[in-house]
N, C-alpha and C. Protein backbone atom coordinates (compact mmCIF):
# COMPACT_ATOMS: atom_id res chain seq x y z
N UNK A 1 -170.09 -65.47 -137.23
CA UNK A 1 -171.01 -65.38 -135.70
C UNK A 1 -172.59 -65.33 -136.61
N UNK A 2 -173.78 -66.46 -136.60
CA UNK A 2 -174.70 -66.05 -136.86
C UNK A 2 -176.14 -65.35 -135.81
N UNK A 3 -176.52 -64.46 -136.63
CA UNK A 3 -176.76 -63.05 -135.69
C UNK A 3 -178.20 -63.76 -135.06
N UNK A 4 -177.96 -63.19 -133.42
CA UNK A 4 -179.30 -63.49 -132.75
C UNK A 4 -180.38 -63.34 -132.96
N UNK A 5 -180.83 -62.66 -134.00
CA UNK A 5 -181.80 -62.23 -134.15
C UNK A 5 -182.83 -63.18 -134.97
N UNK A 6 -181.31 -63.72 -136.16
CA UNK A 6 -182.05 -64.48 -136.75
C UNK A 6 -182.28 -66.45 -136.31
N UNK A 7 -181.45 -66.26 -135.27
CA UNK A 7 -181.48 -67.50 -134.40
C UNK A 7 -182.81 -67.52 -133.62
N UNK A 8 -183.26 -66.49 -133.13
CA UNK A 8 -184.18 -66.24 -132.40
C UNK A 8 -185.45 -66.44 -133.38
N UNK A 9 -185.74 -66.07 -134.72
CA UNK A 9 -186.79 -65.80 -135.34
C UNK A 9 -187.19 -67.44 -135.84
N UNK A 10 -185.99 -68.28 -136.26
CA UNK A 10 -186.16 -69.75 -136.39
C UNK A 10 -186.67 -70.40 -135.53
N UNK A 11 -186.21 -70.07 -133.82
CA UNK A 11 -186.61 -70.99 -133.02
C UNK A 11 -187.96 -70.55 -132.48
N UNK A 12 -188.04 -69.34 -132.15
CA UNK A 12 -189.54 -68.77 -131.48
C UNK A 12 -190.57 -69.47 -132.89
N UNK A 13 -190.54 -69.09 -133.94
CA UNK A 13 -191.41 -69.57 -134.80
C UNK A 13 -191.45 -71.11 -134.55
N UNK A 14 -190.54 -72.19 -135.01
CA UNK A 14 -190.88 -73.48 -134.23
C UNK A 14 -191.53 -73.70 -133.59
N UNK A 15 -190.74 -73.28 -132.02
CA UNK A 15 -191.39 -73.31 -131.13
C UNK A 15 -193.04 -73.20 -130.94
N UNK A 16 -193.13 -72.27 -131.72
CA UNK A 16 -194.51 -72.09 -132.01
C UNK A 16 -195.50 -72.65 -132.44
N UNK A 17 -194.93 -73.19 -133.46
CA UNK A 17 -195.75 -73.76 -134.37
C UNK A 17 -195.79 -75.68 -133.69
N UNK A 18 -194.57 -76.28 -133.70
CA UNK A 18 -194.43 -77.19 -132.54
C UNK A 18 -195.20 -77.44 -131.40
N UNK A 19 -195.44 -76.43 -130.48
CA UNK A 19 -196.15 -76.03 -129.96
C UNK A 19 -197.88 -76.29 -129.87
N UNK A 20 -197.79 -75.56 -130.40
CA UNK A 20 -199.66 -75.40 -131.47
C UNK A 20 -200.02 -76.85 -132.01
N UNK A 21 -199.13 -77.02 -133.25
CA UNK A 21 -199.19 -78.38 -133.35
C UNK A 21 -199.77 -79.53 -132.82
N UNK A 22 -199.07 -80.12 -131.89
CA UNK A 22 -198.75 -80.95 -130.63
C UNK A 22 -200.33 -80.56 -129.60
N UNK A 23 -200.40 -79.44 -129.48
CA UNK A 23 -201.30 -78.97 -127.98
C UNK A 23 -200.56 -79.28 -127.17
N UNK A 24 -198.95 -79.04 -127.07
CA UNK A 24 -198.16 -78.94 -125.78
C UNK A 24 -198.58 -78.29 -124.37
N UNK A 25 -199.10 -78.87 -123.95
CA UNK A 25 -199.95 -77.91 -122.58
C UNK A 25 -199.08 -77.31 -121.94
N UNK A 26 -199.30 -75.89 -121.55
CA UNK A 26 -198.03 -74.63 -120.88
C UNK A 26 -197.37 -75.24 -119.51
N UNK A 27 -197.53 -76.34 -119.10
CA UNK A 27 -197.13 -77.11 -117.94
C UNK A 27 -195.44 -77.21 -118.51
N UNK A 28 -195.96 -78.30 -119.45
CA UNK A 28 -194.72 -78.79 -120.37
C UNK A 28 -193.51 -77.65 -120.62
N UNK A 29 -194.21 -76.33 -121.38
CA UNK A 29 -193.81 -75.21 -121.74
C UNK A 29 -192.57 -74.36 -120.31
N UNK A 30 -193.51 -74.55 -119.49
CA UNK A 30 -192.81 -74.13 -118.42
C UNK A 30 -191.60 -75.09 -117.93
N UNK A 31 -191.86 -76.56 -117.50
CA UNK A 31 -190.71 -77.33 -117.56
C UNK A 31 -189.51 -77.12 -118.42
N UNK A 32 -189.96 -77.19 -119.94
CA UNK A 32 -188.84 -77.16 -120.45
C UNK A 32 -187.91 -75.77 -120.14
N UNK A 33 -188.59 -74.58 -120.23
CA UNK A 33 -187.77 -73.44 -120.21
C UNK A 33 -187.00 -73.34 -118.51
N UNK A 34 -187.76 -74.11 -117.67
CA UNK A 34 -187.17 -74.00 -116.27
C UNK A 34 -186.13 -74.90 -116.63
N UNK A 35 -186.05 -76.22 -116.92
CA UNK A 35 -184.44 -76.98 -117.80
C UNK A 35 -183.69 -76.16 -118.07
N UNK A 36 -184.18 -75.66 -119.07
CA UNK A 36 -183.08 -74.93 -119.55
C UNK A 36 -182.42 -73.65 -118.94
N UNK A 37 -183.53 -73.13 -118.09
CA UNK A 37 -182.95 -72.24 -116.72
C UNK A 37 -181.79 -72.48 -115.92
N UNK A 38 -182.11 -74.12 -115.69
CA UNK A 38 -180.75 -74.53 -114.78
C UNK A 38 -179.53 -74.74 -115.65
N UNK A 39 -179.73 -74.99 -117.07
CA UNK A 39 -178.59 -74.95 -117.99
C UNK A 39 -177.31 -74.00 -118.20
N UNK A 40 -178.75 -73.15 -118.85
CA UNK A 40 -177.86 -71.87 -118.98
C UNK A 40 -178.75 -70.74 -118.95
N UNK A 41 -179.27 -71.03 -118.23
CA UNK A 41 -180.19 -69.49 -117.26
C UNK A 41 -181.25 -68.87 -118.25
N UNK A 42 -181.45 -67.82 -118.22
CA UNK A 42 -182.73 -67.04 -119.06
C UNK A 42 -182.46 -66.86 -120.49
N UNK A 43 -182.22 -68.40 -121.13
CA UNK A 43 -182.02 -67.91 -122.77
C UNK A 43 -183.44 -67.68 -122.79
N UNK A 44 -184.24 -68.68 -122.81
CA UNK A 44 -185.19 -68.59 -123.71
C UNK A 44 -186.08 -67.37 -123.89
N UNK A 45 -185.94 -66.59 -122.92
CA UNK A 45 -186.57 -65.11 -123.63
C UNK A 45 -186.32 -64.08 -124.88
N UNK A 46 -184.58 -64.80 -124.76
CA UNK A 46 -184.02 -64.27 -125.94
C UNK A 46 -183.39 -64.49 -126.60
N UNK A 47 -183.88 -66.03 -127.17
CA UNK A 47 -183.79 -66.99 -127.92
C UNK A 47 -184.74 -67.85 -128.60
N UNK A 48 -185.63 -68.49 -127.99
CA UNK A 48 -187.05 -68.82 -128.03
C UNK A 48 -188.02 -68.38 -128.43
N UNK A 49 -188.12 -67.55 -127.11
CA UNK A 49 -189.23 -67.51 -126.91
C UNK A 49 -190.42 -66.61 -128.34
N UNK A 50 -191.84 -67.16 -128.71
CA UNK A 50 -192.06 -65.96 -129.87
C UNK A 50 -192.69 -64.95 -129.63
N UNK A 51 -193.10 -64.72 -127.82
CA UNK A 51 -193.87 -63.28 -127.47
C UNK A 51 -192.47 -62.37 -127.73
N UNK A 52 -191.47 -63.33 -126.79
CA UNK A 52 -189.62 -62.67 -127.18
C UNK A 52 -189.73 -61.63 -128.40
N UNK A 53 -189.78 -62.65 -129.40
CA UNK A 53 -189.70 -61.90 -130.89
C UNK A 53 -190.47 -61.22 -131.54
N UNK A 54 -191.77 -61.12 -130.98
CA UNK A 54 -192.76 -60.29 -131.56
C UNK A 54 -192.61 -58.89 -130.49
N UNK A 55 -192.11 -58.77 -129.36
CA UNK A 55 -191.74 -57.36 -128.50
C UNK A 55 -190.62 -57.25 -129.25
N UNK A 56 -189.48 -57.90 -129.49
CA UNK A 56 -188.30 -56.76 -130.28
C UNK A 56 -188.61 -56.54 -131.71
N UNK A 57 -189.70 -56.76 -131.86
CA UNK A 57 -190.21 -56.50 -133.57
C UNK A 57 -190.86 -55.42 -133.74
N UNK A 58 -191.74 -55.53 -132.69
CA UNK A 58 -192.53 -54.11 -132.24
C UNK A 58 -191.17 -53.22 -131.61
N UNK A 59 -190.62 -53.23 -131.19
CA UNK A 59 -189.41 -52.36 -130.56
C UNK A 59 -188.42 -51.58 -131.29
N UNK A 60 -188.22 -52.62 -132.69
CA UNK A 60 -187.47 -52.19 -133.96
C UNK A 60 -187.96 -51.06 -134.17
N UNK A 61 -189.22 -50.75 -134.23
CA UNK A 61 -189.71 -49.70 -134.73
C UNK A 61 -190.75 -48.87 -134.18
N UNK A 62 -190.15 -48.96 -133.06
CA UNK A 62 -190.54 -48.17 -131.58
C UNK A 62 -189.41 -46.69 -131.43
N UNK A 63 -190.02 -45.62 -131.65
CA UNK A 63 -189.68 -44.38 -131.10
C UNK A 63 -189.22 -43.94 -130.09
N UNK A 64 -189.61 -45.03 -128.92
CA UNK A 64 -189.04 -44.36 -127.33
C UNK A 64 -187.75 -44.93 -127.38
N UNK A 65 -186.82 -43.94 -126.23
CA UNK A 65 -185.60 -43.95 -125.98
C UNK A 65 -185.38 -45.02 -124.89
N UNK A 66 -187.01 -45.58 -124.00
CA UNK A 66 -186.65 -46.17 -123.14
C UNK A 66 -186.89 -47.92 -123.35
N UNK A 67 -186.56 -48.07 -124.45
CA UNK A 67 -186.61 -49.69 -125.25
C UNK A 67 -186.77 -50.60 -124.09
N UNK A 68 -184.97 -50.84 -123.67
CA UNK A 68 -184.91 -51.85 -122.74
C UNK A 68 -186.18 -51.99 -121.56
N UNK A 69 -186.66 -50.51 -121.39
CA UNK A 69 -188.34 -50.94 -120.10
C UNK A 69 -188.51 -51.36 -120.77
N UNK A 70 -189.73 -51.20 -122.03
CA UNK A 70 -190.26 -51.81 -122.79
C UNK A 70 -190.11 -52.94 -123.02
N UNK A 71 -188.91 -53.51 -123.59
CA UNK A 71 -187.94 -55.17 -123.08
C UNK A 71 -188.85 -55.89 -122.20
N UNK A 72 -188.17 -54.94 -121.03
CA UNK A 72 -188.52 -55.89 -119.62
C UNK A 72 -190.24 -56.18 -119.58
N UNK A 73 -191.02 -55.32 -119.81
CA UNK A 73 -192.40 -54.94 -119.41
C UNK A 73 -193.25 -56.17 -119.68
N UNK A 74 -193.04 -57.15 -120.75
CA UNK A 74 -193.85 -58.19 -120.89
C UNK A 74 -193.67 -58.95 -120.35
N UNK A 75 -191.89 -59.19 -119.30
CA UNK A 75 -192.07 -60.47 -119.02
C UNK A 75 -192.40 -60.16 -117.44
N UNK A 76 -193.63 -59.49 -117.12
CA UNK A 76 -193.86 -59.25 -115.57
C UNK A 76 -194.98 -60.49 -115.73
N UNK A 77 -195.66 -61.03 -116.13
CA UNK A 77 -196.23 -61.96 -116.29
C UNK A 77 -195.95 -63.88 -116.75
N UNK A 78 -194.81 -63.43 -117.09
CA UNK A 78 -194.26 -65.14 -117.44
C UNK A 78 -193.51 -65.66 -116.22
N UNK A 79 -194.16 -66.88 -116.63
CA UNK A 79 -193.16 -67.75 -115.19
C UNK A 79 -192.16 -68.67 -115.87
N UNK A 80 -192.04 -68.50 -117.18
CA UNK A 80 -190.97 -68.95 -117.67
C UNK A 80 -189.64 -67.83 -117.45
N UNK A 81 -190.18 -66.46 -117.65
CA UNK A 81 -189.17 -65.45 -117.07
C UNK A 81 -188.80 -65.48 -116.21
N UNK A 82 -189.61 -65.72 -114.82
CA UNK A 82 -189.78 -65.80 -113.59
C UNK A 82 -188.74 -66.71 -113.01
N UNK A 83 -188.21 -67.88 -113.15
CA UNK A 83 -188.16 -69.43 -112.86
C UNK A 83 -186.58 -68.86 -113.89
N UNK A 84 -186.34 -69.22 -115.17
CA UNK A 84 -184.81 -69.22 -115.38
C UNK A 84 -184.38 -67.69 -115.28
N UNK A 85 -185.47 -66.44 -115.14
CA UNK A 85 -184.01 -65.52 -114.24
C UNK A 85 -183.16 -65.71 -112.98
N UNK A 86 -184.74 -66.42 -111.90
CA UNK A 86 -184.14 -67.09 -110.68
C UNK A 86 -182.65 -67.98 -111.06
N UNK A 87 -183.22 -68.41 -111.98
CA UNK A 87 -181.44 -69.28 -112.09
C UNK A 87 -180.82 -69.19 -112.31
N UNK A 88 -180.73 -67.96 -113.01
CA UNK A 88 -178.97 -66.97 -113.38
C UNK A 88 -178.02 -67.50 -112.63
N UNK A 89 -178.46 -67.07 -111.11
CA UNK A 89 -177.19 -67.61 -110.66
C UNK A 89 -176.50 -68.80 -110.67
N UNK A 90 -177.59 -69.51 -110.38
CA UNK A 90 -177.28 -71.31 -110.29
C UNK A 90 -176.83 -71.60 -111.20
N UNK A 91 -177.04 -71.13 -112.65
CA UNK A 91 -177.12 -72.26 -114.20
C UNK A 91 -175.71 -72.29 -114.10
N UNK A 92 -175.47 -73.78 -114.72
CA UNK A 92 -174.32 -74.27 -115.18
C UNK A 92 -173.38 -72.99 -116.21
N UNK A 93 -174.18 -72.64 -117.33
CA UNK A 93 -173.18 -71.73 -117.89
C UNK A 93 -173.80 -70.54 -117.66
N UNK A 94 -172.63 -69.57 -117.72
CA UNK A 94 -172.45 -67.89 -117.34
C UNK A 94 -171.60 -67.43 -118.06
N UNK A 95 -172.17 -65.78 -117.59
CA UNK A 95 -171.11 -65.15 -118.57
C UNK A 95 -169.81 -64.79 -117.77
N UNK A 96 -168.56 -65.11 -117.87
CA UNK A 96 -167.23 -65.11 -117.42
C UNK A 96 -167.04 -63.89 -117.87
N UNK A 97 -166.09 -63.10 -117.32
CA UNK A 97 -164.86 -62.15 -117.33
C UNK A 97 -163.42 -62.95 -116.95
N UNK A 98 -162.59 -62.29 -117.94
CA UNK A 98 -161.31 -62.55 -117.75
C UNK A 98 -161.15 -61.41 -117.68
N UNK A 99 -160.30 -60.86 -116.38
CA UNK A 99 -159.87 -59.76 -115.96
C UNK A 99 -158.45 -59.49 -116.85
N UNK A 100 -157.57 -60.64 -116.70
CA UNK A 100 -156.44 -60.20 -117.16
C UNK A 100 -156.71 -60.02 -119.13
N UNK A 101 -157.58 -60.20 -119.49
CA UNK A 101 -157.85 -59.79 -120.95
C UNK A 101 -158.36 -58.71 -121.09
N UNK A 102 -159.53 -58.17 -119.96
CA UNK A 102 -159.99 -57.10 -120.13
C UNK A 102 -159.30 -55.45 -120.08
N UNK A 103 -159.46 -54.33 -120.96
CA UNK A 103 -158.99 -53.49 -121.29
C UNK A 103 -159.80 -52.17 -120.82
N UNK A 104 -160.77 -52.59 -119.66
CA UNK A 104 -161.56 -51.39 -119.12
C UNK A 104 -161.95 -50.58 -120.34
N UNK A 105 -162.40 -51.26 -121.34
CA UNK A 105 -163.01 -50.28 -122.79
C UNK A 105 -164.38 -49.94 -122.91
N UNK A 106 -165.22 -50.80 -121.69
CA UNK A 106 -166.65 -50.42 -121.14
C UNK A 106 -167.50 -50.53 -122.56
N UNK A 107 -167.38 -50.87 -123.21
CA UNK A 107 -168.32 -51.59 -124.40
C UNK A 107 -169.13 -52.60 -124.07
N UNK A 108 -168.73 -53.36 -123.61
CA UNK A 108 -170.04 -54.30 -122.33
C UNK A 108 -171.29 -53.63 -122.23
N UNK A 109 -170.45 -52.62 -120.88
CA UNK A 109 -171.96 -51.96 -120.27
C UNK A 109 -172.47 -50.54 -120.88
N UNK A 110 -171.70 -50.35 -121.96
CA UNK A 110 -173.10 -49.70 -123.05
C UNK A 110 -173.48 -50.47 -123.85
N UNK A 111 -173.52 -51.81 -124.40
CA UNK A 111 -174.57 -52.54 -124.91
C UNK A 111 -175.49 -53.42 -124.07
N UNK A 112 -175.06 -53.49 -122.92
CA UNK A 112 -176.22 -53.86 -121.72
C UNK A 112 -176.86 -53.15 -121.24
N UNK A 113 -178.69 -53.38 -121.17
CA UNK A 113 -179.29 -53.04 -121.36
C UNK A 113 -179.70 -53.19 -120.15
N UNK A 114 -179.17 -53.88 -118.71
CA UNK A 114 -179.33 -53.56 -117.69
C UNK A 114 -178.31 -52.65 -117.05
N UNK A 115 -177.35 -52.77 -117.71
CA UNK A 115 -176.24 -51.21 -117.21
C UNK A 115 -176.94 -50.29 -117.49
N UNK A 116 -177.25 -50.07 -118.78
CA UNK A 116 -178.44 -48.92 -118.62
C UNK A 116 -179.53 -48.51 -117.73
N UNK A 117 -179.71 -49.48 -117.24
CA UNK A 117 -180.56 -49.29 -116.50
C UNK A 117 -180.10 -48.70 -114.76
N UNK A 118 -179.54 -49.26 -114.74
CA UNK A 118 -179.52 -49.65 -113.23
C UNK A 118 -177.45 -49.59 -113.62
N UNK A 119 -176.92 -48.05 -112.94
CA UNK A 119 -175.54 -47.35 -112.89
C UNK A 119 -175.02 -48.30 -111.67
N UNK A 120 -175.47 -48.67 -110.81
CA UNK A 120 -174.74 -50.13 -109.98
C UNK A 120 -174.33 -51.38 -110.35
N UNK A 121 -174.65 -51.81 -112.02
CA UNK A 121 -174.25 -52.56 -112.27
C UNK A 121 -173.11 -52.23 -113.45
N UNK A 122 -172.12 -53.63 -113.66
CA UNK A 122 -170.99 -53.33 -114.35
C UNK A 122 -170.78 -54.93 -114.95
N UNK A 123 -170.26 -54.88 -116.02
CA UNK A 123 -169.45 -56.29 -115.84
C UNK A 123 -168.42 -56.29 -115.97
N UNK A 124 -167.51 -54.98 -116.22
CA UNK A 124 -166.36 -55.33 -115.84
C UNK A 124 -165.63 -54.79 -114.52
N UNK A 125 -166.33 -53.52 -114.05
CA UNK A 125 -166.19 -52.82 -113.06
C UNK A 125 -166.37 -53.49 -111.69
N UNK A 126 -165.04 -54.15 -110.86
CA UNK A 126 -164.88 -54.47 -109.81
C UNK A 126 -166.08 -53.36 -108.44
N UNK A 127 -166.57 -54.45 -107.69
CA UNK A 127 -167.77 -53.53 -106.60
C UNK A 127 -168.61 -53.10 -107.09
N UNK A 128 -169.11 -53.39 -108.39
CA UNK A 128 -170.69 -53.16 -108.82
C UNK A 128 -171.15 -54.19 -108.58
N UNK A 129 -172.49 -54.19 -108.92
CA UNK A 129 -173.36 -55.63 -109.04
C UNK A 129 -172.94 -56.35 -110.78
N UNK A 130 -173.08 -57.26 -110.56
CA UNK A 130 -172.41 -58.40 -111.91
C UNK A 130 -174.03 -58.06 -112.89
N UNK A 131 -174.48 -57.85 -114.00
CA UNK A 131 -175.66 -57.28 -114.54
C UNK A 131 -176.00 -58.95 -115.17
N UNK A 132 -174.95 -59.98 -115.44
CA UNK A 132 -175.20 -61.46 -115.83
C UNK A 132 -175.62 -62.25 -114.91
N UNK A 133 -175.13 -61.91 -113.17
CA UNK A 133 -176.14 -62.86 -112.65
C UNK A 133 -177.09 -62.21 -112.35
N UNK A 134 -177.99 -61.26 -112.61
CA UNK A 134 -179.27 -60.58 -112.00
C UNK A 134 -180.15 -61.54 -112.93
N UNK A 135 -181.48 -61.39 -112.38
CA UNK A 135 -182.70 -62.44 -112.77
C UNK A 135 -183.22 -61.56 -114.26
N UNK A 136 -182.49 -60.40 -114.45
CA UNK A 136 -183.12 -59.23 -115.78
C UNK A 136 -182.38 -59.88 -116.70
N UNK A 137 -181.06 -60.09 -116.69
CA UNK A 137 -180.32 -60.92 -118.00
C UNK A 137 -180.82 -62.33 -118.78
N UNK A 138 -180.79 -62.00 -119.97
CA UNK A 138 -181.72 -62.90 -120.66
C UNK A 138 -180.62 -63.48 -121.70
N UNK A 139 -179.31 -63.29 -120.90
CA UNK A 139 -178.34 -64.07 -121.77
C UNK A 139 -178.08 -63.54 -123.39
N UNK A 140 -178.59 -62.55 -123.95
CA UNK A 140 -178.62 -61.99 -125.22
C UNK A 140 -177.10 -62.37 -125.98
N UNK A 141 -176.17 -62.31 -124.67
CA UNK A 141 -174.85 -61.81 -125.44
C UNK A 141 -174.08 -61.10 -126.45
N UNK A 142 -174.85 -59.60 -126.42
CA UNK A 142 -174.58 -58.55 -126.72
C UNK A 142 -173.21 -58.36 -126.01
N UNK A 143 -173.11 -58.17 -125.30
CA UNK A 143 -171.58 -58.09 -124.02
C UNK A 143 -170.86 -58.75 -124.79
N UNK A 144 -171.03 -59.69 -125.35
CA UNK A 144 -169.35 -60.78 -125.74
C UNK A 144 -169.16 -60.26 -127.02
N UNK A 145 -170.22 -60.31 -128.14
CA UNK A 145 -169.97 -59.71 -129.09
C UNK A 145 -169.21 -58.67 -129.42
N UNK A 146 -169.66 -57.43 -128.61
CA UNK A 146 -169.25 -56.42 -128.37
C UNK A 146 -167.35 -56.24 -128.16
N UNK A 147 -167.38 -56.93 -126.89
CA UNK A 147 -165.66 -57.45 -126.56
C UNK A 147 -164.47 -57.18 -127.49
N UNK A 148 -163.86 -56.16 -127.27
CA UNK A 148 -162.93 -56.39 -128.79
C UNK A 148 -161.66 -57.28 -128.42
N UNK A 149 -161.56 -57.49 -127.12
CA UNK A 149 -160.64 -58.34 -126.90
C UNK A 149 -160.93 -59.88 -126.18
N UNK A 150 -162.28 -60.37 -126.38
CA UNK A 150 -162.73 -61.45 -126.23
C UNK A 150 -162.65 -61.71 -124.70
N UNK A 151 -162.54 -60.62 -123.77
CA UNK A 151 -162.69 -60.85 -122.24
C UNK A 151 -163.84 -61.51 -122.01
N UNK A 152 -164.85 -61.46 -122.14
CA UNK A 152 -166.72 -62.07 -121.80
C UNK A 152 -166.04 -63.36 -122.50
N UNK A 153 -167.28 -64.07 -121.89
CA UNK A 153 -167.45 -65.68 -122.54
C UNK A 153 -168.76 -66.42 -121.80
N UNK A 154 -169.38 -67.25 -122.56
CA UNK A 154 -170.22 -67.69 -121.70
C UNK A 154 -169.68 -68.96 -121.72
N UNK A 155 -169.37 -69.57 -120.39
CA UNK A 155 -168.93 -70.75 -120.50
C UNK A 155 -169.14 -71.64 -119.26
N UNK A 156 -169.42 -72.73 -118.68
CA UNK A 156 -169.42 -73.38 -118.19
C UNK A 156 -168.34 -73.69 -116.83
N UNK A 157 -167.59 -72.68 -116.63
CA UNK A 157 -166.04 -72.71 -115.77
C UNK A 157 -166.56 -71.85 -115.14
């Protein structure tokens, strides 16, 4: 599987260059992010956003233990993050768990930056808040990648 950071780098740099070269209005960029939000949820932030890419590069070299909180900080002023995050609950594609396959290992929760923030959240424990439906979930797919039994998937079912 291609690493997310490589895909993010290609998309972010390409997106920035295209938007700069063609002088695309911020309104169209917000509309693009919103359409992606309707289809995939909040994927723009972690897969395409040039600012998100720069933030992740900065955090790679950060000595802070609160890396996930720093990553969320720059999204406070981003309308694409607000809109697409709100659309996480309604998007066509969602992160789903197959409870029949799940072995309750907890690797998904250990990897998820939302469950590390909020202990009332869990991807696999019943009765907890689903972090994948949260407006904070950027669909980084780290939870899916670490699942040893492929119980998590990004699907439209």
